[in-house]
Amino acid sequence: MPTHSVVSEPEASLADLRGDCVRMAPHWVVPPKTATPRVAPSLIHGVRVPPASARLIEATEEYGA
């Protein structure tokens, strides 16, 4: 019967992890930001919000009165 041993990798330090990130950063592609055109409120039809959801949004400080 074969025996298996588990080889653990040494713990990476924060400096090691940051170095890995710095080396990988040039490989990450960031898509260009595109502005989404605004839609006039007069063009929005048929949107229904359940009363419970409307109350939830109304109670949110950022959106509430």
N, C-alpha and C. Protein backbone atom coordinates (compact mmCIF):
# COMPACT_ATOMS: atom_id res chain seq x y z
N MET A 1 0.85 -1.16 0.00
CA MET A 1 0.00 0.00 0.00
C MET A 1 0.90 1.24 0.00
N PRO A 2 0.67 2.20 -0.97
CA PRO A 2 1.54 3.36 -1.03
C PRO A 2 1.26 4.33 0.10
N THR A 3 2.28 4.97 0.54
CA THR A 3 2.11 5.99 1.57
C THR A 3 2.31 7.36 0.92
N HIS A 4 1.50 8.28 1.34
CA HIS A 4 1.58 9.64 0.80
C HIS A 4 1.98 10.58 1.92
N SER A 5 2.86 11.47 1.59
CA SER A 5 3.21 12.49 2.57
C SER A 5 2.78 13.85 2.02
N VAL A 6 2.36 14.66 2.90
CA VAL A 6 1.90 15.99 2.52
C VAL A 6 3.07 16.95 2.71
N VAL A 7 3.39 17.65 1.63
CA VAL A 7 4.47 18.63 1.71
C VAL A 7 3.81 20.00 1.85
N SER A 8 4.06 20.64 2.94
CA SER A 8 3.46 21.94 3.14
C SER A 8 4.41 23.02 2.64
N GLU A 9 3.82 24.03 2.05
CA GLU A 9 4.62 25.15 1.58
C GLU A 9 4.87 26.08 2.75
N PRO A 10 6.01 26.74 2.74
CA PRO A 10 6.27 27.68 3.84
C PRO A 10 5.29 28.85 3.77
N GLU A 11 4.96 29.38 4.91
CA GLU A 11 4.04 30.52 4.97
C GLU A 11 4.69 31.71 4.28
N ALA A 12 3.92 32.39 3.47
CA ALA A 12 4.42 33.58 2.80
C ALA A 12 4.24 34.77 3.74
N SER A 13 5.21 35.63 3.74
CA SER A 13 5.10 36.83 4.55
C SER A 13 4.27 37.86 3.80
N LEU A 14 3.85 38.89 4.49
CA LEU A 14 3.08 39.96 3.85
C LEU A 14 3.93 40.61 2.76
N ALA A 15 5.22 40.77 3.02
CA ALA A 15 6.11 41.36 2.02
C ALA A 15 6.17 40.47 0.77
N ASP A 16 6.19 39.15 0.95
CA ASP A 16 6.19 38.24 -0.19
C ASP A 16 4.91 38.39 -1.00
N LEU A 17 3.78 38.46 -0.31
CA LEU A 17 2.50 38.58 -0.99
C LEU A 17 2.40 39.91 -1.74
N ARG A 18 2.86 40.98 -1.10
CA ARG A 18 2.83 42.28 -1.77
C ARG A 18 3.74 42.27 -2.99
N GLY A 19 4.88 41.62 -2.88
CA GLY A 19 5.79 41.52 -4.03
C GLY A 19 5.14 40.76 -5.18
N ASP A 20 4.42 39.68 -4.85
CA ASP A 20 3.71 38.93 -5.89
C ASP A 20 2.69 39.82 -6.59
N CYS A 21 1.98 40.61 -5.82
CA CYS A 21 0.97 41.50 -6.40
C CYS A 21 1.61 42.54 -7.31
N VAL A 22 2.72 43.10 -6.88
CA VAL A 22 3.42 44.10 -7.69
C VAL A 22 3.88 43.48 -9.01
N ARG A 23 4.35 42.26 -8.97
CA ARG A 23 4.80 41.61 -10.20
C ARG A 23 3.64 41.25 -11.12
N MET A 24 2.48 40.98 -10.55
CA MET A 24 1.32 40.61 -11.36
C MET A 24 0.57 41.81 -11.91
N ALA A 25 0.66 42.96 -11.25
CA ALA A 25 -0.11 44.14 -11.63
C ALA A 25 -0.01 44.49 -13.11
N PRO A 26 1.17 44.44 -13.73
CA PRO A 26 1.22 44.79 -15.15
C PRO A 26 0.44 43.82 -16.04
N HIS A 27 0.12 42.64 -15.55
CA HIS A 27 -0.61 41.65 -16.34
C HIS A 27 -2.12 41.85 -16.29
N TRP A 28 -2.59 42.64 -15.33
CA TRP A 28 -4.03 42.85 -15.17
C TRP A 28 -4.49 43.95 -16.11
N VAL A 29 -5.48 43.65 -16.88
CA VAL A 29 -6.00 44.61 -17.84
C VAL A 29 -7.24 45.26 -17.24
N VAL A 30 -7.23 46.58 -17.22
CA VAL A 30 -8.37 47.32 -16.71
C VAL A 30 -9.13 47.86 -17.91
N PRO A 31 -10.39 47.44 -18.08
CA PRO A 31 -11.14 47.94 -19.23
C PRO A 31 -11.39 49.44 -19.09
N PRO A 32 -11.41 50.14 -20.21
CA PRO A 32 -11.66 51.59 -20.13
C PRO A 32 -13.07 51.86 -19.62
N LYS A 33 -13.19 52.94 -18.86
CA LYS A 33 -14.51 53.31 -18.34
C LYS A 33 -15.33 53.91 -19.47
N THR A 34 -16.54 53.45 -19.56
CA THR A 34 -17.45 54.02 -20.54
C THR A 34 -18.63 54.61 -19.80
N ALA A 35 -19.00 55.79 -20.16
CA ALA A 35 -20.12 56.45 -19.51
C ALA A 35 -21.43 55.86 -20.03
N THR A 36 -22.29 55.52 -19.12
CA THR A 36 -23.61 55.01 -19.50
C THR A 36 -24.52 56.21 -19.71
N PRO A 37 -25.14 56.29 -20.87
CA PRO A 37 -26.01 57.45 -21.11
C PRO A 37 -27.22 57.43 -20.17
N ARG A 38 -27.59 58.60 -19.70
CA ARG A 38 -28.75 58.70 -18.81
C ARG A 38 -30.02 58.53 -19.61
N VAL A 39 -31.00 57.97 -18.96
CA VAL A 39 -32.31 57.79 -19.58
C VAL A 39 -33.24 58.81 -18.96
N ALA A 40 -33.95 59.51 -19.80
CA ALA A 40 -34.90 60.51 -19.30
C ALA A 40 -36.01 59.81 -18.52
N PRO A 41 -36.40 60.35 -17.38
CA PRO A 41 -37.47 59.73 -16.59
C PRO A 41 -38.75 59.52 -17.39
N SER A 42 -39.01 60.39 -18.37
CA SER A 42 -40.23 60.24 -19.17
C SER A 42 -40.21 58.98 -20.02
N LEU A 43 -39.02 58.40 -20.22
CA LEU A 43 -38.92 57.18 -21.03
C LEU A 43 -39.04 55.90 -20.20
N ILE A 44 -39.07 56.03 -18.90
CA ILE A 44 -39.15 54.87 -18.02
C ILE A 44 -40.62 54.58 -17.75
N HIS A 45 -41.08 53.42 -18.21
CA HIS A 45 -42.49 53.04 -18.04
C HIS A 45 -42.57 51.62 -17.49
N GLY A 46 -43.57 51.36 -16.71
CA GLY A 46 -43.86 50.01 -16.26
C GLY A 46 -42.99 49.49 -15.14
N VAL A 47 -42.28 50.37 -14.45
CA VAL A 47 -41.46 49.91 -13.33
C VAL A 47 -42.35 49.84 -12.10
N ARG A 48 -42.39 48.68 -11.49
CA ARG A 48 -43.21 48.48 -10.30
C ARG A 48 -42.29 48.05 -9.15
N VAL A 49 -42.45 48.71 -8.04
CA VAL A 49 -41.65 48.40 -6.87
C VAL A 49 -42.59 47.90 -5.78
N PRO A 50 -42.35 46.70 -5.25
CA PRO A 50 -43.20 46.19 -4.17
C PRO A 50 -43.15 47.14 -2.98
N PRO A 51 -44.27 47.31 -2.27
CA PRO A 51 -44.31 48.24 -1.13
C PRO A 51 -43.20 47.98 -0.10
N ALA A 52 -42.90 46.72 0.17
CA ALA A 52 -41.86 46.42 1.16
C ALA A 52 -40.50 46.93 0.69
N SER A 53 -40.22 46.81 -0.60
CA SER A 53 -38.95 47.31 -1.13
C SER A 53 -38.90 48.82 -1.10
N ALA A 54 -40.02 49.46 -1.43
CA ALA A 54 -40.07 50.91 -1.40
C ALA A 54 -39.83 51.41 0.02
N ARG A 55 -40.40 50.75 1.02
CA ARG A 55 -40.19 51.15 2.41
C ARG A 55 -38.73 50.95 2.81
N LEU A 56 -38.12 49.88 2.33
CA LEU A 56 -36.72 49.61 2.65
C LEU A 56 -35.83 50.72 2.10
N ILE A 57 -36.03 51.11 0.86
CA ILE A 57 -35.23 52.17 0.25
C ILE A 57 -35.51 53.51 0.93
N GLU A 58 -36.76 53.75 1.23
CA GLU A 58 -37.13 55.01 1.88
C GLU A 58 -36.47 55.13 3.26
N ALA A 59 -36.29 54.00 3.93
CA ALA A 59 -35.69 53.99 5.26
C ALA A 59 -34.16 54.08 5.21
N THR A 60 -33.58 53.92 4.04
CA THR A 60 -32.13 54.01 3.90
C THR A 60 -31.75 55.47 3.94
N GLU A 61 -30.82 55.81 4.80
CA GLU A 61 -30.45 57.20 5.03
C GLU A 61 -30.04 57.92 3.74
N GLU A 62 -29.27 57.25 2.90
CA GLU A 62 -28.79 57.88 1.68
C GLU A 62 -29.92 58.25 0.73
N TYR A 63 -30.98 57.44 0.69
CA TYR A 63 -32.06 57.65 -0.26
C TYR A 63 -33.30 58.27 0.36
N GLY A 64 -33.40 58.19 1.65
CA GLY A 64 -34.62 58.65 2.32
C GLY A 64 -34.74 60.17 2.32
N ALA A 65 -35.86 60.63 2.81
CA ALA A 65 -36.12 62.08 2.84
C ALA A 65 -35.35 62.79 3.91
